[in-house]
Amino acid sequence: MWWGCICAALWHVKHSVVLIIGGIPMPPVLRAVRPQLPFIIAGFASFLFSVWLYFVQDETTAGIFVGLWVPSIHSLGTLVLAQTDAPARREQEA
């Protein structure tokens, strides 16, 4: 249930024309990071989930397994974002 709320919030952030925080437009530095936010948030959530499994639930194997998702999520983000940037770079080179 809560995954649907997170996915809806990430979709809204990704597809908003101008993200406004407290009525002030987002600075250019943060605007450049915006495409990476879903992957950063997913990696951080995976890290927190793995720590919770490992220490709170005492599921050491599951905690280690989920902890391995973090670099995988970040690698997926790099792969996806590199493919979306490639056409723009080809246009600039031409």
PDB file of N, CA and C in Angstrom:
ATOM      1  N   MET A   1       0.816  -1.190   0.000  1.00  0.00           N
ATOM      2  CA  MET A   1       0.000   0.000   0.000  1.00  0.00           C
ATOM      3  C   MET A   1       0.862   1.257   0.000  1.00  0.00           C
ATOM      4  N   TRP A   2       1.852   1.306   0.910  1.00  0.00           N
ATOM      5  CA  TRP A   2       2.688   2.502   0.992  1.00  0.00           C
ATOM      6  C   TRP A   2       3.615   2.620  -0.196  1.00  0.00           C
ATOM      7  N   TRP A   3       3.934   1.497  -0.894  1.00  0.00           N
ATOM      8  CA  TRP A   3       4.763   1.595  -2.098  1.00  0.00           C
ATOM      9  C   TRP A   3       4.039   2.379  -3.188  1.00  0.00           C
ATOM     10  N   GLY A   4       2.715   2.237  -3.249  1.00  0.00           N
ATOM     11  CA  GLY A   4       1.943   2.992  -4.226  1.00  0.00           C
ATOM     12  C   GLY A   4       2.026   4.487  -3.979  1.00  0.00           C
ATOM     13  N   CYS A   5       2.014   4.886  -2.709  1.00  0.00           N
ATOM     14  CA  CYS A   5       2.138   6.313  -2.377  1.00  0.00           C
ATOM     15  C   CYS A   5       3.510   6.836  -2.770  1.00  0.00           C
ATOM     16  N   ILE A   6       4.555   6.044  -2.504  1.00  0.00           N
ATOM     17  CA  ILE A   6       5.918   6.462  -2.858  1.00  0.00           C
ATOM     18  C   ILE A   6       6.046   6.570  -4.373  1.00  0.00           C
ATOM     19  N   CYS A   7       5.535   5.578  -5.099  1.00  0.00           N
ATOM     20  CA  CYS A   7       5.625   5.614  -6.563  1.00  0.00           C
ATOM     21  C   CYS A   7       4.858   6.806  -7.129  1.00  0.00           C
ATOM     22  N   ALA A   8       3.702   7.099  -6.584  1.00  0.00           N
ATOM     23  CA  ALA A   8       2.927   8.246  -7.053  1.00  0.00           C
ATOM     24  C   ALA A   8       3.657   9.549  -6.774  1.00  0.00           C
ATOM     25  N   ALA A   9       4.288   9.653  -5.609  1.00  0.00           N
ATOM     26  CA  ALA A   9       5.038  10.867  -5.274  1.00  0.00           C
ATOM     27  C   ALA A   9       6.245  11.021  -6.198  1.00  0.00           C
ATOM     28  N   LEU A  10       6.955   9.928  -6.468  1.00  0.00           N
ATOM     29  CA  LEU A  10       8.109  10.001  -7.365  1.00  0.00           C
ATOM     30  C   LEU A  10       7.673  10.342  -8.784  1.00  0.00           C
ATOM     31  N   TRP A  11       6.536   9.796  -9.231  1.00  0.00           N
ATOM     32  CA  TRP A  11       6.046  10.132 -10.564  1.00  0.00           C
ATOM     33  C   TRP A  11       5.721  11.614 -10.645  1.00  0.00           C
ATOM     34  N   HIS A  12       5.104  12.144  -9.593  1.00  0.00           N
ATOM     35  CA  HIS A  12       4.739  13.564  -9.586  1.00  0.00           C
ATOM     36  C   HIS A  12       5.988  14.442  -9.623  1.00  0.00           C
ATOM     37  N   VAL A  13       7.014  14.086  -8.856  1.00  0.00           N
ATOM     38  CA  VAL A  13       8.259  14.863  -8.849  1.00  0.00           C
ATOM     39  C   VAL A  13       8.917  14.802 -10.221  1.00  0.00           C
ATOM     40  N   LYS A  14       8.920  13.636 -10.830  1.00  0.00           N
ATOM     41  CA  LYS A  14       9.584  13.472 -12.120  1.00  0.00           C
ATOM     42  C   LYS A  14       8.860  14.245 -13.224  1.00  0.00           C
ATOM     43  N   HIS A  15       7.551  14.296 -13.179  1.00  0.00           N
ATOM     44  CA  HIS A  15       6.783  14.879 -14.273  1.00  0.00           C
ATOM     45  C   HIS A  15       6.318  16.312 -14.016  1.00  0.00           C
ATOM     46  N   SER A  16       6.715  16.895 -12.910  1.00  0.00           N
ATOM     47  CA  SER A  16       6.302  18.274 -12.668  1.00  0.00           C
ATOM     48  C   SER A  16       7.145  19.220 -13.510  1.00  0.00           C
ATOM     49  N   VAL A  17       6.531  20.271 -13.967  1.00  0.00           N
ATOM     50  CA  VAL A  17       7.227  21.231 -14.813  1.00  0.00           C
ATOM     51  C   VAL A  17       8.222  22.029 -13.984  1.00  0.00           C
ATOM     52  N   VAL A  18       7.772  22.594 -12.904  1.00  0.00           N
ATOM     53  CA  VAL A  18       8.642  23.343 -11.996  1.00  0.00           C
ATOM     54  C   VAL A  18       8.348  22.846 -10.591  1.00  0.00           C
ATOM     55  N   LEU A  19       9.380  22.332  -9.945  1.00  0.00           N
ATOM     56  CA  LEU A  19       9.207  21.866  -8.574  1.00  0.00           C
ATOM     57  C   LEU A  19       9.407  23.061  -7.652  1.00  0.00           C
ATOM     58  N   ILE A  20       8.411  23.315  -6.851  1.00  0.00           N
ATOM     59  CA  ILE A  20       8.479  24.484  -5.985  1.00  0.00           C
ATOM     60  C   ILE A  20       8.548  24.007  -4.541  1.00  0.00           C
ATOM     61  N   ILE A  21       9.519  24.553  -3.815  1.00  0.00           N
ATOM     62  CA  ILE A  21       9.671  24.236  -2.402  1.00  0.00           C
ATOM     63  C   ILE A  21       9.359  25.504  -1.627  1.00  0.00           C
ATOM     64  N   GLY A  22       8.273  25.515  -0.925  1.00  0.00           N
ATOM     65  CA  GLY A  22       7.895  26.674  -0.142  1.00  0.00           C
ATOM     66  C   GLY A  22       7.667  27.923  -0.971  1.00  0.00           C
ATOM     67  N   GLY A  23       7.222  27.796  -2.200  1.00  0.00           N
ATOM     68  CA  GLY A  23       6.947  28.936  -3.052  1.00  0.00           C
ATOM     69  C   GLY A  23       8.161  29.477  -3.783  1.00  0.00           C
ATOM     70  N   ILE A  24       9.333  28.880  -3.569  1.00  0.00           N
ATOM     71  CA  ILE A  24      10.563  29.341  -4.220  1.00  0.00           C
ATOM     72  C   ILE A  24      10.958  28.311  -5.268  1.00  0.00           C
ATOM     73  N   PRO A  25      11.246  28.718  -6.505  1.00  0.00           N
ATOM     74  CA  PRO A  25      11.662  27.758  -7.528  1.00  0.00           C
ATOM     75  C   PRO A  25      12.941  27.029  -7.113  1.00  0.00           C
ATOM     76  N   MET A  26      13.058  25.789  -7.565  1.00  0.00           N
ATOM     77  CA  MET A  26      14.214  24.967  -7.222  1.00  0.00           C
ATOM     78  C   MET A  26      15.484  25.542  -7.846  1.00  0.00           C
ATOM     79  N   PRO A  27      16.587  25.607  -7.087  1.00  0.00           N
ATOM     80  CA  PRO A  27      17.846  26.116  -7.638  1.00  0.00           C
ATOM     81  C   PRO A  27      18.358  25.219  -8.766  1.00  0.00           C
ATOM     82  N   PRO A  28      19.158  25.778  -9.683  1.00  0.00           N
ATOM     83  CA  PRO A  28      19.648  24.987 -10.818  1.00  0.00           C
ATOM     84  C   PRO A  28      20.451  23.754 -10.407  1.00  0.00           C
ATOM     85  N   VAL A  29      21.166  23.838  -9.285  1.00  0.00           N
ATOM     86  CA  VAL A  29      21.958  22.687  -8.834  1.00  0.00           C
ATOM     87  C   VAL A  29      21.038  21.524  -8.493  1.00  0.00           C
ATOM     88  N   LEU A  30      19.956  21.795  -7.775  1.00  0.00           N
ATOM     89  CA  LEU A  30      19.014  20.734  -7.422  1.00  0.00           C
ATOM     90  C   LEU A  30      18.200  20.272  -8.629  1.00  0.00           C
ATOM     91  N   ARG A  31      17.955  21.172  -9.577  1.00  0.00           N
ATOM     92  CA  ARG A  31      17.227  20.798 -10.783  1.00  0.00           C
ATOM     93  C   ARG A  31      18.023  19.778 -11.589  1.00  0.00           C
ATOM     94  N   ALA A  32      19.366  19.873 -11.543  1.00  0.00           N
ATOM     95  CA  ALA A  32      20.210  18.927 -12.268  1.00  0.00           C
ATOM     96  C   ALA A  32      20.183  17.554 -11.617  1.00  0.00           C
ATOM     97  N   VAL A  33      19.938  17.493 -10.320  1.00  0.00           N
ATOM     98  CA  VAL A  33      19.926  16.223  -9.583  1.00  0.00           C
ATOM     99  C   VAL A  33      18.563  15.550  -9.648  1.00  0.00           C
ATOM    100  N   ARG A  34      17.534  16.283 -10.051  1.00  0.00           N
ATOM    101  CA  ARG A  34      16.162  15.763 -10.019  1.00  0.00           C
ATOM    102  C   ARG A  34      15.966  14.438 -10.746  1.00  0.00           C
ATOM    103  N   PRO A  35      16.558  14.191 -11.922  1.00  0.00           N
ATOM    104  CA  PRO A  35      16.361  12.876 -12.554  1.00  0.00           C
ATOM    105  C   PRO A  35      16.959  11.729 -11.747  1.00  0.00           C
ATOM    106  N   GLN A  36      17.932  12.020 -10.916  1.00  0.00           N
ATOM    107  CA  GLN A  36      18.578  10.981 -10.120  1.00  0.00           C
ATOM    108  C   GLN A  36      17.839  10.675  -8.827  1.00  0.00           C
ATOM    109  N   LEU A  37      16.936  11.538  -8.416  1.00  0.00           N
ATOM    110  CA  LEU A  37      16.261  11.400  -7.127  1.00  0.00           C
ATOM    111  C   LEU A  37      15.550  10.060  -6.915  1.00  0.00           C
ATOM    112  N   PRO A  38      14.801   9.527  -7.876  1.00  0.00           N
ATOM    113  CA  PRO A  38      14.147   8.237  -7.613  1.00  0.00           C
ATOM    114  C   PRO A  38      15.142   7.122  -7.286  1.00  0.00           C
ATOM    115  N   PHE A  39      16.291   7.133  -7.945  1.00  0.00           N
ATOM    116  CA  PHE A  39      17.283   6.094  -7.695  1.00  0.00           C
ATOM    117  C   PHE A  39      18.003   6.311  -6.365  1.00  0.00           C
ATOM    118  N   ILE A  40      18.247   7.555  -6.014  1.00  0.00           N
ATOM    119  CA  ILE A  40      18.872   7.860  -4.725  1.00  0.00           C
ATOM    120  C   ILE A  40      17.935   7.478  -3.591  1.00  0.00           C
ATOM    121  N   ILE A  41      16.663   7.827  -3.722  1.00  0.00           N
ATOM    122  CA  ILE A  41      15.683   7.499  -2.684  1.00  0.00           C
ATOM    123  C   ILE A  41      15.498   5.988  -2.568  1.00  0.00           C
ATOM    124  N   ALA A  42      15.419   5.294  -3.700  1.00  0.00           N
ATOM    125  CA  ALA A  42      15.252   3.834  -3.668  1.00  0.00           C
ATOM    126  C   ALA A  42      16.469   3.157  -3.048  1.00  0.00           C
ATOM    127  N   GLY A  43      17.667   3.638  -3.361  1.00  0.00           N
ATOM    128  CA  GLY A  43      18.880   3.070  -2.760  1.00  0.00           C
ATOM    129  C   GLY A  43      18.926   3.301  -1.264  1.00  0.00           C
ATOM    130  N   PHE A  44      18.546   4.499  -0.832  1.00  0.00           N
ATOM    131  CA  PHE A  44      18.540   4.801   0.594  1.00  0.00           C
ATOM    132  C   PHE A  44      17.484   3.974   1.324  1.00  0.00           C
ATOM    133  N   ALA A  45      16.311   3.809   0.710  1.00  0.00           N
ATOM    134  CA  ALA A  45      15.263   2.984   1.316  1.00  0.00           C
ATOM    135  C   ALA A  45      15.718   1.532   1.429  1.00  0.00           C
ATOM    136  N   SER A  46      16.419   1.045   0.415  1.00  0.00           N
ATOM    137  CA  SER A  46      16.943  -0.316   0.460  1.00  0.00           C
ATOM    138  C   SER A  46      17.972  -0.466   1.577  1.00  0.00           C
ATOM    139  N   PHE A  47      18.806   0.544   1.736  1.00  0.00           N
ATOM    140  CA  PHE A  47      19.799   0.517   2.816  1.00  0.00           C
ATOM    141  C   PHE A  47      19.114   0.476   4.184  1.00  0.00           C
ATOM    142  N   LEU A  48      18.125   1.337   4.374  1.00  0.00           N
ATOM    143  CA  LEU A  48      17.417   1.351   5.659  1.00  0.00           C
ATOM    144  C   LEU A  48      16.699   0.023   5.910  1.00  0.00           C
ATOM    145  N   PHE A  49      16.104  -0.536   4.864  1.00  0.00           N
ATOM    146  CA  PHE A  49      15.414  -1.821   5.000  1.00  0.00           C
ATOM    147  C   PHE A  49      16.393  -2.933   5.362  1.00  0.00           C
ATOM    148  N   SER A  50      17.587  -2.910   4.764  1.00  0.00           N
ATOM    149  CA  SER A  50      18.580  -3.945   5.072  1.00  0.00           C
ATOM    150  C   SER A  50      19.085  -3.808   6.504  1.00  0.00           C
ATOM    151  N   VAL A  51      19.279  -2.582   6.984  1.00  0.00           N
ATOM    152  CA  VAL A  51      19.705  -2.375   8.375  1.00  0.00           C
ATOM    153  C   VAL A  51      18.609  -2.848   9.328  1.00  0.00           C
ATOM    154  N   TRP A  52      17.351  -2.562   8.987  1.00  0.00           N
ATOM    155  CA  TRP A  52      16.243  -3.008   9.819  1.00  0.00           C
ATOM    156  C   TRP A  52      16.179  -4.537   9.870  1.00  0.00           C
ATOM    157  N   LEU A  53      16.332  -5.175   8.714  1.00  0.00           N
ATOM    158  CA  LEU A  53      16.312  -6.637   8.697  1.00  0.00           C
ATOM    159  C   LEU A  53      17.464  -7.218   9.507  1.00  0.00           C
ATOM    160  N   TYR A  54      18.647  -6.665   9.334  1.00  0.00           N
ATOM    161  CA  TYR A  54      19.852  -7.224   9.953  1.00  0.00           C
ATOM    162  C   TYR A  54      19.839  -7.056  11.472  1.00  0.00           C
ATOM    163  N   PHE A  55      19.533  -5.847  11.938  1.00  0.00           N
ATOM    164  CA  PHE A  55      19.651  -5.580  13.371  1.00  0.00           C
ATOM    165  C   PHE A  55      18.350  -5.766  14.146  1.00  0.00           C
ATOM    166  N   VAL A  56      17.234  -5.309  13.602  1.00  0.00           N
ATOM    167  CA  VAL A  56      15.982  -5.366  14.353  1.00  0.00           C
ATOM    168  C   VAL A  56      15.337  -6.743  14.256  1.00  0.00           C
ATOM    169  N   GLN A  57      15.233  -7.280  13.048  1.00  0.00           N
ATOM    170  CA  GLN A  57      14.579  -8.571  12.846  1.00  0.00           C
ATOM    171  C   GLN A  57      15.519  -9.754  13.033  1.00  0.00           C
ATOM    172  N   ASP A  58      16.816  -9.479  13.160  1.00  0.00           N
ATOM    173  CA  ASP A  58      17.846 -10.514  13.339  1.00  0.00           C
ATOM    174  C   ASP A  58      17.848 -11.519  12.175  1.00  0.00           C
ATOM    175  N   GLU A  59      17.559 -11.016  10.993  1.00  0.00           N
ATOM    176  CA  GLU A  59      17.620 -11.805   9.761  1.00  0.00           C
ATOM    177  C   GLU A  59      18.900 -11.414   9.029  1.00  0.00           C
ATOM    178  N   THR A  60      20.023 -11.991   9.441  1.00  0.00           N
ATOM    179  CA  THR A  60      21.316 -11.545   8.910  1.00  0.00           C
ATOM    180  C   THR A  60      21.447 -11.819   7.415  1.00  0.00           C
ATOM    181  N   THR A  61      21.043 -12.984   6.977  1.00  0.00           N
ATOM    182  CA  THR A  61      21.184 -13.320   5.558  1.00  0.00           C
ATOM    183  C   THR A  61      20.301 -12.426   4.689  1.00  0.00           C
ATOM    184  N   ALA A  62      19.070 -12.228   5.113  1.00  0.00           N
ATOM    185  CA  ALA A  62      18.160 -11.360   4.350  1.00  0.00           C
ATOM    186  C   ALA A  62      18.661  -9.919   4.363  1.00  0.00           C
ATOM    187  N   GLY A  63      19.204  -9.463   5.486  1.00  0.00           N
ATOM    188  CA  GLY A  63      19.734  -8.104   5.563  1.00  0.00           C
ATOM    189  C   GLY A  63      20.896  -7.890   4.622  1.00  0.00           C
ATOM    190  N   ILE A  64      21.783  -8.870   4.537  1.00  0.00           N
ATOM    191  CA  ILE A  64      22.920  -8.777   3.609  1.00  0.00           C
ATOM    192  C   ILE A  64      22.420  -8.805   2.168  1.00  0.00           C
ATOM    193  N   PHE A  65      21.448  -9.675   1.876  1.00  0.00           N
ATOM    194  CA  PHE A  65      20.906  -9.764   0.522  1.00  0.00           C
ATOM    195  C   PHE A  65      20.271  -8.449   0.084  1.00  0.00           C
ATOM    196  N   VAL A  66      19.464  -7.862   0.945  1.00  0.00           N
ATOM    197  CA  VAL A  66      18.817  -6.594   0.606  1.00  0.00           C
ATOM    198  C   VAL A  66      19.855  -5.480   0.532  1.00  0.00           C
ATOM    199  N   GLY A  67      20.893  -5.545   1.341  1.00  0.00           N
ATOM    200  CA  GLY A  67      21.966  -4.555   1.281  1.00  0.00           C
ATOM    201  C   GLY A  67      22.684  -4.561  -0.059  1.00  0.00           C
ATOM    202  N   LEU A  68      22.695  -5.707  -0.721  1.00  0.00           N
ATOM    203  CA  LEU A  68      23.321  -5.786  -2.049  1.00  0.00           C
ATOM    204  C   LEU A  68      22.478  -5.116  -3.127  1.00  0.00           C
ATOM    205  N   TRP A  69      21.238  -4.786  -2.811  1.00  0.00           N
ATOM    206  CA  TRP A  69      20.395  -4.095  -3.788  1.00  0.00           C
ATOM    207  C   TRP A  69      20.854  -2.665  -4.021  1.00  0.00           C
ATOM    208  N   VAL A  70      21.476  -2.049  -3.020  1.00  0.00           N
ATOM    209  CA  VAL A  70      21.837  -0.630  -3.120  1.00  0.00           C
ATOM    210  C   VAL A  70      22.731  -0.354  -4.338  1.00  0.00           C
ATOM    211  N   PRO A  71      23.878  -1.047  -4.494  1.00  0.00           N
ATOM    212  CA  PRO A  71      24.680  -0.769  -5.693  1.00  0.00           C
ATOM    213  C   PRO A  71      23.964  -1.171  -6.987  1.00  0.00           C
ATOM    214  N   SER A  72      23.097  -2.167  -6.905  1.00  0.00           N
ATOM    215  CA  SER A  72      22.347  -2.565  -8.098  1.00  0.00           C
ATOM    216  C   SER A  72      21.368  -1.477  -8.522  1.00  0.00           C
ATOM    217  N   ILE A  73      20.692  -0.872  -7.564  1.00  0.00           N
ATOM    218  CA  ILE A  73      19.759   0.210  -7.866  1.00  0.00           C
ATOM    219  C   ILE A  73      20.505   1.409  -8.442  1.00  0.00           C
ATOM    220  N   HIS A  74      21.650   1.735  -7.857  1.00  0.00           N
ATOM    221  CA  HIS A  74      22.429   2.870  -8.351  1.00  0.00           C
ATOM    222  C   HIS A  74      22.993   2.582  -9.735  1.00  0.00           C
ATOM    223  N   SER A  75      23.392   1.341  -9.993  1.00  0.00           N
ATOM    224  CA  SER A  75      23.867   0.972 -11.331  1.00  0.00           C
ATOM    225  C   SER A  75      22.747   1.063 -12.358  1.00  0.00           C
ATOM    226  N   LEU A  76      21.559   0.625 -11.977  1.00  0.00           N
ATOM    227  CA  LEU A  76      20.407   0.745 -12.873  1.00  0.00           C
ATOM    228  C   LEU A  76      20.132   2.209 -13.190  1.00  0.00           C
ATOM    229  N   GLY A  77      20.212   3.057 -12.186  1.00  0.00           N
ATOM    230  CA  GLY A  77      20.008   4.485 -12.413  1.00  0.00           C
ATOM    231  C   GLY A  77      21.035   5.063 -13.365  1.00  0.00           C
ATOM    232  N   THR A  78      22.287   4.655 -13.211  1.00  0.00           N
ATOM    233  CA  THR A  78      23.341   5.123 -14.116  1.00  0.00           C
ATOM    234  C   THR A  78      23.073   4.659 -15.535  1.00  0.00           C
ATOM    235  N   LEU A  79      22.656   3.416 -15.689  1.00  0.00           N
ATOM    236  CA  LEU A  79      22.375   2.866 -17.016  1.00  0.00           C
ATOM    237  C   LEU A  79      21.196   3.586 -17.671  1.00  0.00           C
ATOM    238  N   VAL A  80      20.128   3.775 -16.930  1.00  0.00           N
ATOM    239  CA  VAL A  80      18.934   4.420 -17.486  1.00  0.00           C
ATOM    240  C   VAL A  80      19.219   5.877 -17.833  1.00  0.00           C
ATOM    241  N   LEU A  81      19.875   6.591 -16.938  1.00  0.00           N
ATOM    242  CA  LEU A  81      20.138   8.012 -17.182  1.00  0.00           C
ATOM    243  C   LEU A  81      21.169   8.214 -18.280  1.00  0.00           C
ATOM    244  N   ALA A  82      22.100   7.303 -18.437  1.00  0.00           N
ATOM    245  CA  ALA A  82      23.081   7.420 -19.518  1.00  0.00           C
ATOM    246  C   ALA A  82      22.402   7.237 -20.873  1.00  0.00           C
ATOM    247  N   GLN A  83      21.418   6.361 -20.943  1.00  0.00           N
ATOM    248  CA  GLN A  83      20.705   6.146 -22.198  1.00  0.00           C
ATOM    249  C   GLN A  83      19.809   7.327 -22.540  1.00  0.00           C
ATOM    250  N   THR A  84      19.278   8.016 -21.539  1.00  0.00           N
ATOM    251  CA  THR A  84      18.438   9.172 -21.831  1.00  0.00           C
ATOM    252  C   THR A  84      19.268  10.395 -22.201  1.00  0.00           C
ATOM    253  N   ASP A  85      20.518  10.459 -21.742  1.00  0.00           N
ATOM    254  CA  ASP A  85      21.394  11.580 -22.068  1.00  0.00           C
ATOM    255  C   ASP A  85      22.096  11.403 -23.406  1.00  0.00           C
ATOM    256  N   ALA A  86      22.191  10.182 -23.907  1.00  0.00           N
ATOM    257  CA  ALA A  86      22.949   9.913 -25.131  1.00  0.00           C
ATOM    258  C   ALA A  86      22.419  10.675 -26.347  1.00  0.00           C
ATOM    259  N   PRO A  87      21.100  10.719 -26.626  1.00  0.00           N
ATOM    260  CA  PRO A  87      20.642  11.473 -27.805  1.00  0.00           C
ATOM    261  C   PRO A  87      20.959  12.965 -27.708  1.00  0.00           C
ATOM    262  N   ALA A  88      20.875  13.535 -26.518  1.00  0.00           N
ATOM    263  CA  ALA A  88      21.178  14.960 -26.373  1.00  0.00           C
ATOM    264  C   ALA A  88      22.661  15.225 -26.636  1.00  0.00           C
ATOM    265  N   ARG A  89      23.528  14.323 -26.196  1.00  0.00           N
ATOM    266  CA  ARG A  89      24.958  14.489 -26.448  1.00  0.00           C
ATOM    267  C   ARG A  89      25.282  14.338 -27.919  1.00  0.00           C
ATOM    268  N   ARG A  90      24.580  13.425 -28.610  1.00  0.00           N
ATOM    269  CA  ARG A  90      24.821  13.250 -30.050  1.00  0.00           C
ATOM    270  C   ARG A  90      24.417  14.495 -30.823  1.00  0.00           C
ATOM    271  N   GLU A  91      23.326  15.148 -30.402  1.00  0.00           N
ATOM    272  CA  GLU A  91      22.890  16.384 -31.054  1.00  0.00           C
ATOM    273  C   GLU A  91      23.911  17.503 -30.853  1.00  0.00           C
ATOM    274  N   GLN A  92      24.490  17.576 -29.671  1.00  0.00           N
ATOM    275  CA  GLN A  92      25.475  18.623 -29.390  1.00  0.00           C
ATOM    276  C   GLN A  92      26.753  18.416 -30.181  1.00  0.00           C
ATOM    277  N   GLU A  93      27.131  17.156 -30.397  1.00  0.00           N
ATOM    278  CA  GLU A  93      28.349  16.850 -31.143  1.00  0.00           C
ATOM    279  C   GLU A  93      28.171  17.129 -32.638  1.00  0.00           C
ATOM    280  N   ALA A  94      26.955  17.005 -33.129  1.00  0.00           N
ATOM    281  CA  ALA A  94      26.722  17.177 -34.584  1.00  0.00           C
ATOM    282  C   ALA A  94      26.691  18.621 -34.991  1.00  0.00           C
TER     283      ALA A  94
END
